[in-house]
Amino acid sequence: MHRLARDGVGFVGQLVPPFEDGDVALFMVGEIDVRCHLIPISETLKRPVEDVAEDLAAGFVSKLTSLQRDHPQIEIVVAQPPFPTDRRPNAELPFTGSIADRVHLHGVLSDSLDRLCGASGLNFLRMPVKYRDKNGLLRRKYSDDGVHIMPCEAGSLVKSLGILLSKNLHFIAKPITILERRWNYIWGGTLRRKGLPTTQQMNIFG
């Protein structure tokens, strides 16, 4: 979110093919802003963290509003950041603040994005509540690294996206993969992916 809010959307064209009529541009923002950016910025600037979150959301949505204006043939969707977590610390991208602080900040940032997207004519996709536990944290069984939702567990999110856009979307996953994860979750096995998924290289710059 910080990069797009700061630098604009110019780099988007380097990542995806040119937009066509009817395309949907889905911006999946990470939880890194909540995890290790907003609280230090608030402390450095000596400003309330809620104001810093509002400024980030406003800059982000402003840039996407410009993208929508330049490409009226597409629909833009902003996905809510994944729910916070207190699992698997990362020395390079460390947690800041308590988990209670980050749950509160996640709500503030999400509400700001929702309100600003609505005012700007953009779509805002809320994360289904099934991914959140009673404390507002990302549920372990849906993640392999503590901060991202596993692709095979994204069916509910795709369903919500289809409802939001009034489109009939189909989510394809291997049931055996989900069953294996559920077995490991119940009996204490690993939930991490075994290697990277097999993909076919696509030339998007040719």
N, C-alpha and C. Protein backbone atom coordinates (compact mmCIF):
# COMPACT_ATOMS: atom_id res chain seq x y z
N MET A 1 0.82 -1.20 0.00
CA MET A 1 0.00 0.00 0.00
C MET A 1 0.86 1.26 0.00
N HIS A 2 1.95 1.23 0.78
CA HIS A 2 2.79 2.42 0.86
C HIS A 2 3.37 2.79 -0.49
N ARG A 3 3.83 1.78 -1.24
CA ARG A 3 4.47 2.08 -2.53
C ARG A 3 3.47 2.70 -3.49
N LEU A 4 2.30 2.11 -3.59
CA LEU A 4 1.31 2.63 -4.53
C LEU A 4 0.82 4.01 -4.10
N ALA A 5 0.61 4.20 -2.80
CA ALA A 5 0.16 5.50 -2.30
C ALA A 5 1.22 6.57 -2.54
N ARG A 6 2.48 6.18 -2.48
CA ARG A 6 3.58 7.14 -2.65
C ARG A 6 3.93 7.37 -4.12
N ASP A 7 4.07 6.26 -4.89
CA ASP A 7 4.61 6.36 -6.24
C ASP A 7 3.56 6.34 -7.33
N GLY A 8 2.32 5.99 -6.99
CA GLY A 8 1.28 5.92 -8.01
C GLY A 8 1.23 4.55 -8.66
N VAL A 9 0.47 4.46 -9.73
CA VAL A 9 0.17 3.15 -10.34
C VAL A 9 1.00 2.87 -11.59
N GLY A 10 2.02 3.67 -11.85
CA GLY A 10 2.80 3.49 -13.06
C GLY A 10 3.41 2.11 -13.18
N PHE A 11 3.81 1.51 -12.04
CA PHE A 11 4.46 0.19 -12.09
C PHE A 11 3.48 -0.94 -12.38
N VAL A 12 2.17 -0.67 -12.25
CA VAL A 12 1.19 -1.73 -12.47
C VAL A 12 1.28 -2.27 -13.89
N GLY A 13 1.49 -1.38 -14.85
CA GLY A 13 1.60 -1.78 -16.25
C GLY A 13 2.79 -2.69 -16.52
N GLN A 14 3.78 -2.71 -15.60
CA GLN A 14 4.92 -3.59 -15.77
C GLN A 14 4.64 -5.00 -15.24
N LEU A 15 3.53 -5.13 -14.51
CA LEU A 15 3.24 -6.40 -13.87
C LEU A 15 2.14 -7.19 -14.57
N VAL A 16 1.25 -6.51 -15.26
CA VAL A 16 0.11 -7.18 -15.88
C VAL A 16 -0.03 -6.73 -17.33
N PRO A 17 -0.69 -7.53 -18.16
CA PRO A 17 -0.93 -7.12 -19.55
C PRO A 17 -1.84 -5.88 -19.59
N PRO A 18 -1.92 -5.21 -20.74
CA PRO A 18 -2.81 -4.04 -20.85
C PRO A 18 -4.25 -4.41 -20.51
N PHE A 19 -4.94 -3.48 -19.88
CA PHE A 19 -6.33 -3.74 -19.52
C PHE A 19 -7.21 -3.81 -20.76
N GLU A 20 -8.21 -4.69 -20.70
CA GLU A 20 -9.19 -4.82 -21.77
C GLU A 20 -10.58 -4.55 -21.19
N ASP A 21 -11.55 -4.32 -22.09
CA ASP A 21 -12.92 -4.07 -21.65
C ASP A 21 -13.42 -5.21 -20.76
N GLY A 22 -14.00 -4.85 -19.64
CA GLY A 22 -14.57 -5.85 -18.75
C GLY A 22 -13.60 -6.46 -17.75
N ASP A 23 -12.34 -6.07 -17.80
CA ASP A 23 -11.37 -6.59 -16.84
C ASP A 23 -11.70 -6.13 -15.42
N VAL A 24 -11.31 -6.94 -14.46
CA VAL A 24 -11.40 -6.57 -13.05
C VAL A 24 -9.98 -6.51 -12.50
N ALA A 25 -9.62 -5.37 -11.94
CA ALA A 25 -8.30 -5.20 -11.32
C ALA A 25 -8.48 -5.35 -9.81
N LEU A 26 -8.02 -6.47 -9.29
CA LEU A 26 -8.15 -6.78 -7.86
C LEU A 26 -6.83 -6.48 -7.17
N PHE A 27 -6.87 -5.55 -6.24
CA PHE A 27 -5.67 -5.18 -5.49
C PHE A 27 -5.72 -5.87 -4.13
N MET A 28 -4.88 -6.90 -3.99
CA MET A 28 -4.78 -7.65 -2.73
C MET A 28 -3.66 -7.02 -1.91
N VAL A 29 -4.03 -6.27 -0.90
CA VAL A 29 -3.02 -5.63 -0.07
C VAL A 29 -2.63 -6.54 1.08
N GLY A 30 -1.37 -6.50 1.48
CA GLY A 30 -0.89 -7.38 2.53
C GLY A 30 -1.12 -6.83 3.92
N GLU A 31 -0.72 -7.63 4.93
CA GLU A 31 -0.88 -7.18 6.30
C GLU A 31 0.38 -6.49 6.81
N ILE A 32 1.35 -6.30 5.92
CA ILE A 32 2.64 -5.75 6.35
C ILE A 32 2.51 -4.32 6.86
N ASP A 33 1.56 -3.56 6.32
CA ASP A 33 1.39 -2.18 6.78
C ASP A 33 0.97 -2.16 8.24
N VAL A 34 0.07 -3.06 8.60
CA VAL A 34 -0.37 -3.16 9.99
C VAL A 34 0.73 -3.76 10.86
N ARG A 35 1.46 -4.73 10.31
CA ARG A 35 2.45 -5.45 11.10
C ARG A 35 3.65 -4.59 11.48
N CYS A 36 4.18 -3.85 10.54
CA CYS A 36 5.46 -3.20 10.86
C CYS A 36 5.67 -1.81 10.27
N HIS A 37 4.65 -1.17 9.72
CA HIS A 37 4.84 0.15 9.14
C HIS A 37 4.14 1.27 9.91
N LEU A 38 2.86 1.13 10.16
CA LEU A 38 2.06 2.26 10.63
C LEU A 38 2.45 2.73 12.02
N ILE A 39 2.70 1.81 12.93
CA ILE A 39 3.05 2.22 14.30
C ILE A 39 4.39 2.95 14.34
N PRO A 40 5.47 2.47 13.70
CA PRO A 40 6.72 3.24 13.70
C PRO A 40 6.58 4.62 13.05
N ILE A 41 5.80 4.71 11.96
CA ILE A 41 5.59 6.01 11.33
C ILE A 41 4.87 6.95 12.29
N SER A 42 3.89 6.43 12.99
CA SER A 42 3.16 7.23 13.97
C SER A 42 4.10 7.74 15.05
N GLU A 43 4.98 6.89 15.53
CA GLU A 43 5.91 7.29 16.58
C GLU A 43 6.93 8.30 16.08
N THR A 44 7.39 8.11 14.84
CA THR A 44 8.38 9.04 14.27
C THR A 44 7.77 10.43 14.05
N LEU A 45 6.56 10.45 13.52
CA LEU A 45 5.90 11.72 13.22
C LEU A 45 5.18 12.30 14.43
N LYS A 46 5.09 11.52 15.49
CA LYS A 46 4.37 11.93 16.71
C LYS A 46 2.92 12.32 16.38
N ARG A 47 2.29 11.44 15.61
CA ARG A 47 0.89 11.63 15.23
C ARG A 47 0.09 10.41 15.65
N PRO A 48 -1.19 10.56 15.94
CA PRO A 48 -2.01 9.39 16.27
C PRO A 48 -1.95 8.36 15.14
N VAL A 49 -1.81 7.10 15.51
CA VAL A 49 -1.69 6.05 14.50
C VAL A 49 -2.94 5.96 13.64
N GLU A 50 -4.09 6.33 14.21
CA GLU A 50 -5.33 6.32 13.43
C GLU A 50 -5.26 7.33 12.29
N ASP A 51 -4.63 8.48 12.54
CA ASP A 51 -4.48 9.49 11.48
C ASP A 51 -3.53 9.01 10.39
N VAL A 52 -2.47 8.32 10.81
CA VAL A 52 -1.51 7.79 9.84
C VAL A 52 -2.19 6.74 8.95
N ALA A 53 -3.02 5.90 9.55
CA ALA A 53 -3.75 4.89 8.78
C ALA A 53 -4.71 5.55 7.80
N GLU A 54 -5.39 6.59 8.24
CA GLU A 54 -6.32 7.31 7.36
C GLU A 54 -5.59 7.94 6.19
N ASP A 55 -4.41 8.52 6.45
CA ASP A 55 -3.63 9.12 5.37
C ASP A 55 -3.17 8.08 4.37
N LEU A 56 -2.74 6.92 4.86
CA LEU A 56 -2.31 5.85 3.96
C LEU A 56 -3.47 5.39 3.09
N ALA A 57 -4.63 5.17 3.70
CA ALA A 57 -5.80 4.73 2.94
C ALA A 57 -6.20 5.78 1.92
N ALA A 58 -6.16 7.05 2.31
CA ALA A 58 -6.56 8.13 1.40
C ALA A 58 -5.61 8.21 0.20
N GLY A 59 -4.30 8.11 0.44
CA GLY A 59 -3.35 8.15 -0.66
C GLY A 59 -3.50 6.97 -1.59
N PHE A 60 -3.71 5.81 -1.01
CA PHE A 60 -3.88 4.58 -1.79
C PHE A 60 -5.13 4.66 -2.67
N VAL A 61 -6.25 5.03 -2.08
CA VAL A 61 -7.50 5.10 -2.84
C VAL A 61 -7.45 6.22 -3.87
N SER A 62 -6.79 7.32 -3.55
CA SER A 62 -6.67 8.41 -4.51
C SER A 62 -5.96 7.96 -5.78
N LYS A 63 -4.88 7.20 -5.63
CA LYS A 63 -4.14 6.72 -6.80
C LYS A 63 -4.99 5.74 -7.62
N LEU A 64 -5.76 4.89 -6.94
CA LEU A 64 -6.60 3.94 -7.66
C LEU A 64 -7.78 4.64 -8.32
N THR A 65 -8.24 5.71 -7.74
CA THR A 65 -9.31 6.49 -8.37
C THR A 65 -8.82 7.09 -9.69
N SER A 66 -7.56 7.52 -9.71
CA SER A 66 -6.97 8.02 -10.95
C SER A 66 -6.86 6.91 -11.99
N LEU A 67 -6.49 5.71 -11.53
CA LEU A 67 -6.41 4.57 -12.44
C LEU A 67 -7.78 4.26 -13.03
N GLN A 68 -8.81 4.31 -12.19
CA GLN A 68 -10.17 4.06 -12.66
C GLN A 68 -10.60 5.12 -13.68
N ARG A 69 -10.24 6.36 -13.44
CA ARG A 69 -10.59 7.44 -14.37
C ARG A 69 -9.90 7.25 -15.72
N ASP A 70 -8.66 6.78 -15.69
CA ASP A 70 -7.93 6.56 -16.93
C ASP A 70 -8.35 5.29 -17.67
N HIS A 71 -9.00 4.37 -16.94
CA HIS A 71 -9.43 3.10 -17.54
C HIS A 71 -10.88 2.83 -17.14
N PRO A 72 -11.81 3.59 -17.68
CA PRO A 72 -13.22 3.43 -17.29
C PRO A 72 -13.82 2.09 -17.70
N GLN A 73 -13.10 1.33 -18.55
CA GLN A 73 -13.63 0.06 -19.04
C GLN A 73 -13.41 -1.09 -18.05
N ILE A 74 -12.74 -0.82 -16.92
CA ILE A 74 -12.46 -1.88 -15.95
C ILE A 74 -13.17 -1.60 -14.63
N GLU A 75 -13.24 -2.63 -13.80
CA GLU A 75 -13.71 -2.46 -12.43
C GLU A 75 -12.53 -2.67 -11.49
N ILE A 76 -12.42 -1.82 -10.49
CA ILE A 76 -11.33 -1.94 -9.52
C ILE A 76 -11.90 -2.44 -8.19
N VAL A 77 -11.22 -3.42 -7.62
CA VAL A 77 -11.60 -3.97 -6.32
C VAL A 77 -10.40 -3.90 -5.38
N VAL A 78 -10.62 -3.38 -4.20
CA VAL A 78 -9.59 -3.35 -3.16
C VAL A 78 -9.99 -4.39 -2.10
N ALA A 79 -9.12 -5.33 -1.84
CA ALA A 79 -9.41 -6.36 -0.84
C ALA A 79 -8.93 -5.89 0.53
N GLN A 80 -9.70 -6.20 1.53
CA GLN A 80 -9.31 -5.90 2.91
C GLN A 80 -8.01 -6.61 3.24
N PRO A 81 -7.10 -5.96 3.97
CA PRO A 81 -5.88 -6.66 4.39
C PRO A 81 -6.23 -7.92 5.19
N PRO A 82 -5.40 -8.96 5.08
CA PRO A 82 -5.64 -10.16 5.89
C PRO A 82 -5.63 -9.82 7.37
N PHE A 83 -6.29 -10.64 8.15
CA PHE A 83 -6.35 -10.40 9.59
C PHE A 83 -4.96 -10.53 10.22
N PRO A 84 -4.70 -9.78 11.28
CA PRO A 84 -3.37 -9.82 11.91
C PRO A 84 -3.07 -11.19 12.52
N THR A 85 -1.82 -11.36 12.90
CA THR A 85 -1.39 -12.60 13.50
C THR A 85 -0.26 -12.31 14.47
N ASP A 86 0.00 -13.24 15.36
CA ASP A 86 1.16 -13.12 16.26
C ASP A 86 2.05 -14.35 16.12
N ARG A 87 1.95 -15.02 14.98
CA ARG A 87 2.69 -16.25 14.75
C ARG A 87 3.85 -16.03 13.78
N ARG A 88 4.89 -16.83 13.95
CA ARG A 88 6.05 -16.88 13.06
C ARG A 88 6.68 -15.50 12.85
N PRO A 89 7.36 -14.97 13.85
CA PRO A 89 8.04 -13.68 13.72
C PRO A 89 9.05 -13.70 12.58
N ASN A 90 9.23 -12.54 11.95
CA ASN A 90 10.17 -12.37 10.85
C ASN A 90 11.14 -11.27 11.24
N ALA A 91 12.41 -11.62 11.37
CA ALA A 91 13.41 -10.65 11.84
C ALA A 91 13.54 -9.47 10.88
N GLU A 92 13.33 -9.71 9.58
CA GLU A 92 13.48 -8.63 8.60
C GLU A 92 12.24 -7.73 8.57
N LEU A 93 11.08 -8.29 8.87
CA LEU A 93 9.83 -7.54 8.88
C LEU A 93 9.13 -7.81 10.20
N PRO A 94 9.64 -7.25 11.28
CA PRO A 94 9.17 -7.63 12.61
C PRO A 94 7.80 -7.06 12.97
N PHE A 95 7.12 -7.75 13.88
CA PHE A 95 5.89 -7.22 14.44
C PHE A 95 6.21 -5.97 15.27
N THR A 96 5.34 -4.97 15.21
CA THR A 96 5.48 -3.80 16.07
C THR A 96 4.16 -3.61 16.82
N GLY A 97 4.27 -3.20 18.06
CA GLY A 97 3.08 -3.04 18.88
C GLY A 97 2.55 -4.39 19.34
N SER A 98 1.63 -4.34 20.28
CA SER A 98 1.02 -5.58 20.77
C SER A 98 0.03 -6.11 19.74
N ILE A 99 -0.37 -7.36 19.90
CA ILE A 99 -1.35 -7.92 18.98
C ILE A 99 -2.68 -7.17 19.12
N ALA A 100 -3.01 -6.72 20.32
CA ALA A 100 -4.24 -5.93 20.51
C ALA A 100 -4.16 -4.62 19.72
N ASP A 101 -2.96 -3.99 19.74
CA ASP A 101 -2.77 -2.77 18.96
C ASP A 101 -3.00 -3.03 17.47
N ARG A 102 -2.47 -4.15 16.99
CA ARG A 102 -2.56 -4.44 15.56
C ARG A 102 -3.97 -4.86 15.14
N VAL A 103 -4.68 -5.53 16.01
CA VAL A 103 -6.08 -5.84 15.70
C VAL A 103 -6.89 -4.56 15.60
N HIS A 104 -6.67 -3.64 16.53
CA HIS A 104 -7.36 -2.34 16.48
C HIS A 104 -6.99 -1.59 15.21
N LEU A 105 -5.71 -1.55 14.88
CA LEU A 105 -5.24 -0.81 13.72
C LEU A 105 -5.76 -1.43 12.43
N HIS A 106 -5.84 -2.75 12.38
CA HIS A 106 -6.41 -3.43 11.21
C HIS A 106 -7.84 -2.98 10.99
N GLY A 107 -8.61 -2.87 12.05
CA GLY A 107 -9.99 -2.40 11.93
C GLY A 107 -10.07 -0.97 11.45
N VAL A 108 -9.19 -0.11 11.97
CA VAL A 108 -9.18 1.29 11.56
C VAL A 108 -8.84 1.42 10.08
N LEU A 109 -7.77 0.74 9.65
CA LEU A 109 -7.35 0.81 8.25
C LEU A 109 -8.42 0.24 7.33
N SER A 110 -9.01 -0.88 7.72
CA SER A 110 -10.05 -1.51 6.91
C SER A 110 -11.27 -0.61 6.76
N ASP A 111 -11.69 0.00 7.85
CA ASP A 111 -12.86 0.88 7.80
C ASP A 111 -12.58 2.11 6.94
N SER A 112 -11.36 2.64 7.02
CA SER A 112 -11.00 3.79 6.18
C SER A 112 -11.02 3.42 4.71
N LEU A 113 -10.45 2.27 4.38
CA LEU A 113 -10.45 1.81 2.98
C LEU A 113 -11.88 1.61 2.49
N ASP A 114 -12.71 0.99 3.30
CA ASP A 114 -14.10 0.73 2.93
C ASP A 114 -14.83 2.04 2.64
N ARG A 115 -14.71 2.99 3.55
CA ARG A 115 -15.41 4.27 3.40
C ARG A 115 -14.90 5.06 2.20
N LEU A 116 -13.58 5.12 2.02
CA LEU A 116 -13.02 5.90 0.93
C LEU A 116 -13.29 5.25 -0.43
N CYS A 117 -13.25 3.92 -0.48
CA CYS A 117 -13.58 3.24 -1.73
C CYS A 117 -15.03 3.52 -2.11
N GLY A 118 -15.93 3.45 -1.14
CA GLY A 118 -17.33 3.72 -1.42
C GLY A 118 -17.55 5.12 -1.93
N ALA A 119 -16.84 6.09 -1.34
CA ALA A 119 -17.00 7.48 -1.76
C ALA A 119 -16.41 7.73 -3.13
N SER A 120 -15.46 6.87 -3.55
CA SER A 120 -14.78 7.07 -4.84
C SER A 120 -15.32 6.17 -5.94
N GLY A 121 -16.32 5.38 -5.64
CA GLY A 121 -16.89 4.50 -6.66
C GLY A 121 -16.09 3.24 -6.91
N LEU A 122 -15.21 2.88 -5.97
CA LEU A 122 -14.44 1.64 -6.10
C LEU A 122 -15.09 0.56 -5.24
N ASN A 123 -14.80 -0.68 -5.57
CA ASN A 123 -15.33 -1.81 -4.81
C ASN A 123 -14.39 -2.17 -3.67
N PHE A 124 -14.96 -2.50 -2.51
CA PHE A 124 -14.16 -2.95 -1.38
C PHE A 124 -14.60 -4.34 -0.98
N LEU A 125 -13.66 -5.26 -0.96
CA LEU A 125 -13.94 -6.67 -0.67
C LEU A 125 -13.50 -7.00 0.75
N ARG A 126 -14.46 -7.26 1.61
CA ARG A 126 -14.16 -7.65 2.99
C ARG A 126 -13.74 -9.11 3.04
N MET A 127 -12.78 -9.42 3.91
CA MET A 127 -12.39 -10.80 4.12
C MET A 127 -13.53 -11.54 4.83
N PRO A 128 -13.92 -12.70 4.35
CA PRO A 128 -14.96 -13.47 5.05
C PRO A 128 -14.56 -13.72 6.51
N VAL A 129 -15.53 -13.67 7.39
CA VAL A 129 -15.23 -13.79 8.82
C VAL A 129 -14.73 -15.18 9.19
N LYS A 130 -14.90 -16.18 8.32
CA LYS A 130 -14.42 -17.52 8.62
C LYS A 130 -12.90 -17.55 8.81
N TYR A 131 -12.20 -16.58 8.20
CA TYR A 131 -10.75 -16.55 8.31
C TYR A 131 -10.28 -15.93 9.62
N ARG A 132 -11.20 -15.43 10.43
CA ARG A 132 -10.84 -14.70 11.65
C ARG A 132 -11.31 -15.49 12.87
N ASP A 133 -10.47 -15.52 13.91
CA ASP A 133 -10.90 -16.18 15.14
C ASP A 133 -11.61 -15.19 16.05
N LYS A 134 -11.99 -15.64 17.23
CA LYS A 134 -12.79 -14.80 18.13
C LYS A 134 -12.03 -13.56 18.61
N ASN A 135 -10.70 -13.59 18.50
CA ASN A 135 -9.88 -12.44 18.92
C ASN A 135 -9.51 -11.52 17.76
N GLY A 136 -10.02 -11.82 16.57
CA GLY A 136 -9.72 -10.99 15.41
C GLY A 136 -8.44 -11.36 14.69
N LEU A 137 -7.88 -12.53 15.00
CA LEU A 137 -6.62 -12.96 14.38
C LEU A 137 -6.89 -13.92 13.23
N LEU A 138 -5.95 -13.99 12.30
CA LEU A 138 -6.03 -14.94 11.20
C LEU A 138 -5.98 -16.36 11.76
N ARG A 139 -6.95 -17.18 11.40
CA ARG A 139 -7.00 -18.55 11.91
C ARG A 139 -5.90 -19.40 11.29
N ARG A 140 -5.22 -20.13 12.12
CA ARG A 140 -4.05 -20.88 11.71
C ARG A 140 -4.35 -21.87 10.59
N LYS A 141 -5.50 -22.51 10.63
CA LYS A 141 -5.74 -23.59 9.68
C LYS A 141 -5.90 -23.11 8.25
N TYR A 142 -6.06 -21.81 8.04
CA TYR A 142 -6.20 -21.28 6.68
C TYR A 142 -4.88 -20.72 6.13
N SER A 143 -3.81 -20.79 6.91
CA SER A 143 -2.55 -20.16 6.51
C SER A 143 -1.41 -21.16 6.60
N ASP A 144 -0.39 -20.94 5.78
CA ASP A 144 0.79 -21.81 5.85
C ASP A 144 1.98 -21.10 6.48
N ASP A 145 1.93 -19.77 6.56
CA ASP A 145 3.07 -19.04 7.11
C ASP A 145 2.66 -18.05 8.19
N GLY A 146 1.39 -18.07 8.56
CA GLY A 146 0.93 -17.20 9.63
C GLY A 146 0.44 -15.85 9.17
N VAL A 147 0.73 -15.46 7.93
CA VAL A 147 0.31 -14.13 7.47
C VAL A 147 -0.44 -14.15 6.14
N HIS A 148 -0.36 -15.24 5.39
CA HIS A 148 -1.05 -15.33 4.11
C HIS A 148 -2.06 -16.47 4.12
N ILE A 149 -3.17 -16.29 3.40
CA ILE A 149 -4.14 -17.36 3.25
C ILE A 149 -3.66 -18.29 2.14
N MET A 150 -3.69 -19.58 2.42
CA MET A 150 -3.28 -20.56 1.41
C MET A 150 -4.18 -20.47 0.19
N PRO A 151 -3.62 -20.56 -1.03
CA PRO A 151 -4.46 -20.51 -2.24
C PRO A 151 -5.60 -21.52 -2.23
N CYS A 152 -5.35 -22.72 -1.73
CA CYS A 152 -6.40 -23.74 -1.75
C CYS A 152 -7.53 -23.43 -0.78
N GLU A 153 -7.31 -22.46 0.13
CA GLU A 153 -8.32 -22.08 1.12
C GLU A 153 -9.08 -20.82 0.72
N ALA A 154 -8.90 -20.36 -0.51
CA ALA A 154 -9.45 -19.06 -0.92
C ALA A 154 -10.86 -19.14 -1.49
N GLY A 155 -11.51 -20.30 -1.41
CA GLY A 155 -12.83 -20.45 -2.01
C GLY A 155 -13.85 -19.45 -1.49
N SER A 156 -13.87 -19.21 -0.18
CA SER A 156 -14.84 -18.28 0.40
C SER A 156 -14.58 -16.85 -0.07
N LEU A 157 -13.31 -16.51 -0.24
CA LEU A 157 -12.98 -15.17 -0.71
C LEU A 157 -13.42 -14.98 -2.16
N VAL A 158 -13.21 -16.00 -2.99
CA VAL A 158 -13.64 -15.93 -4.39
C VAL A 158 -15.17 -15.83 -4.46
N LYS A 159 -15.85 -16.57 -3.61
CA LYS A 159 -17.31 -16.50 -3.58
C LYS A 159 -17.77 -15.08 -3.22
N SER A 160 -17.13 -14.46 -2.23
CA SER A 160 -17.48 -13.09 -1.84
C SER A 160 -17.21 -12.11 -2.98
N LEU A 161 -16.13 -12.34 -3.70
CA LEU A 161 -15.81 -11.48 -4.84
C LEU A 161 -16.89 -11.60 -5.91
N GLY A 162 -17.34 -12.81 -6.17
CA GLY A 162 -18.40 -13.00 -7.16
C GLY A 162 -19.69 -12.29 -6.77
N ILE A 163 -20.04 -12.36 -5.50
CA ILE A 163 -21.24 -11.67 -5.02
C ILE A 163 -21.08 -10.17 -5.16
N LEU A 164 -19.90 -9.66 -4.80
CA LEU A 164 -19.65 -8.22 -4.89
C LEU A 164 -19.80 -7.72 -6.31
N LEU A 165 -19.31 -8.49 -7.28
CA LEU A 165 -19.30 -8.06 -8.68
C LEU A 165 -20.50 -8.58 -9.48
N SER A 166 -21.36 -9.35 -8.80
CA SER A 166 -22.51 -9.98 -9.49
C SER A 166 -22.04 -10.82 -10.66
N LYS A 167 -20.98 -11.60 -10.42
CA LYS A 167 -20.42 -12.49 -11.43
C LYS A 167 -20.41 -13.92 -10.90
N ASN A 168 -20.57 -14.85 -11.81
CA ASN A 168 -20.56 -16.26 -11.45
C ASN A 168 -19.13 -16.78 -11.56
N LEU A 169 -18.40 -16.73 -10.44
CA LEU A 169 -17.01 -17.16 -10.43
C LEU A 169 -16.91 -18.60 -9.94
N HIS A 170 -15.95 -19.32 -10.49
CA HIS A 170 -15.73 -20.71 -10.11
C HIS A 170 -14.35 -20.84 -9.48
N PHE A 171 -14.30 -21.45 -8.33
CA PHE A 171 -13.03 -21.69 -7.65
C PHE A 171 -12.70 -23.18 -7.74
N ILE A 172 -11.52 -23.47 -8.24
CA ILE A 172 -11.12 -24.86 -8.44
C ILE A 172 -9.99 -25.20 -7.47
N ALA A 173 -10.21 -26.19 -6.65
CA ALA A 173 -9.18 -26.65 -5.72
C ALA A 173 -9.27 -28.17 -5.61
N LYS A 174 -8.17 -28.79 -5.23
CA LYS A 174 -8.15 -30.23 -5.05
C LYS A 174 -8.64 -30.56 -3.65
N PRO A 175 -9.77 -31.25 -3.53
CA PRO A 175 -10.31 -31.58 -2.19
C PRO A 175 -9.30 -32.32 -1.32
N ILE A 176 -8.47 -33.16 -1.93
CA ILE A 176 -7.51 -33.92 -1.14
C ILE A 176 -6.52 -33.01 -0.43
N THR A 177 -6.17 -31.88 -1.10
CA THR A 177 -5.23 -30.94 -0.49
C THR A 177 -5.82 -30.34 0.78
N ILE A 178 -7.09 -29.95 0.71
CA ILE A 178 -7.76 -29.37 1.88
C ILE A 178 -7.94 -30.41 2.97
N LEU A 179 -8.29 -31.64 2.58
CA LEU A 179 -8.46 -32.70 3.57
C LEU A 179 -7.15 -33.00 4.30
N GLU A 180 -6.04 -33.01 3.56
CA GLU A 180 -4.74 -33.24 4.18
C GLU A 180 -4.41 -32.13 5.18
N ARG A 181 -4.75 -30.89 4.80
CA ARG A 181 -4.48 -29.78 5.72
C ARG A 181 -5.34 -29.88 6.97
N ARG A 182 -6.60 -30.27 6.81
CA ARG A 182 -7.48 -30.40 7.97
C ARG A 182 -6.96 -31.52 8.90
N TRP A 183 -6.50 -32.62 8.31
CA TRP A 183 -5.95 -33.72 9.10
C TRP A 183 -4.74 -33.24 9.90
N ASN A 184 -3.84 -32.53 9.23
CA ASN A 184 -2.66 -32.02 9.91
C ASN A 184 -3.01 -31.01 10.99
N TYR A 185 -4.04 -30.19 10.72
CA TYR A 185 -4.46 -29.19 11.70
C TYR A 185 -4.98 -29.87 12.96
N ILE A 186 -5.79 -30.90 12.79
CA ILE A 186 -6.38 -31.59 13.94
C ILE A 186 -5.32 -32.36 14.73
N TRP A 187 -4.38 -32.98 14.03
CA TRP A 187 -3.42 -33.86 14.69
C TRP A 187 -2.04 -33.24 14.87
N GLY A 188 -1.94 -31.93 14.67
CA GLY A 188 -0.70 -31.24 14.98
C GLY A 188 0.39 -31.36 13.94
N GLY A 189 0.04 -31.71 12.71
CA GLY A 189 1.03 -31.79 11.64
C GLY A 189 1.34 -30.43 11.05
N THR A 190 2.27 -30.39 10.10
CA THR A 190 2.64 -29.13 9.49
C THR A 190 1.57 -28.66 8.51
N LEU A 191 1.39 -27.35 8.45
CA LEU A 191 0.47 -26.76 7.48
C LEU A 191 1.23 -26.04 6.37
N ARG A 192 2.53 -26.16 6.39
CA ARG A 192 3.32 -25.46 5.37
C ARG A 192 3.24 -26.19 4.03
N ARG A 193 3.35 -25.39 2.98
CA ARG A 193 3.35 -25.97 1.64
C ARG A 193 4.60 -26.81 1.42
N LYS A 194 4.46 -27.89 0.68
CA LYS A 194 5.60 -28.73 0.33
C LYS A 194 6.10 -28.30 -1.04
N GLY A 195 7.00 -27.32 -1.03
CA GLY A 195 7.49 -26.79 -2.30
C GLY A 195 6.52 -25.79 -2.90
N LEU A 196 6.91 -25.22 -4.01
CA LEU A 196 6.08 -24.24 -4.69
C LEU A 196 5.11 -24.92 -5.65
N PRO A 197 3.93 -24.32 -5.86
CA PRO A 197 3.00 -24.92 -6.81
C PRO A 197 3.57 -24.92 -8.21
N THR A 198 3.18 -25.90 -9.01
CA THR A 198 3.63 -25.99 -10.40
C THR A 198 2.92 -24.94 -11.23
N THR A 199 3.67 -24.11 -11.92
CA THR A 199 3.09 -23.06 -12.74
C THR A 199 3.70 -23.08 -14.12
N GLN A 200 3.01 -22.48 -15.06
CA GLN A 200 3.51 -22.36 -16.42
C GLN A 200 3.92 -20.92 -16.66
N GLN A 201 5.15 -20.72 -17.10
CA GLN A 201 5.66 -19.37 -17.33
C GLN A 201 4.80 -18.65 -18.38
N MET A 202 4.48 -17.39 -18.09
CA MET A 202 3.70 -16.60 -19.03
C MET A 202 4.46 -15.32 -19.36
N ASN A 203 4.62 -15.05 -20.62
CA ASN A 203 5.31 -13.85 -21.06
C ASN A 203 4.30 -12.71 -21.16
N ILE A 204 4.32 -11.79 -20.17
CA ILE A 204 3.37 -10.69 -20.19
C ILE A 204 3.97 -9.41 -20.74
N PHE A 205 5.24 -9.50 -21.16
CA PHE A 205 5.89 -8.30 -21.67
C PHE A 205 6.14 -8.38 -23.17
N GLY A 206 5.76 -9.49 -23.79
CA GLY A 206 6.05 -9.65 -25.21
C GLY A 206 5.11 -8.88 -26.10
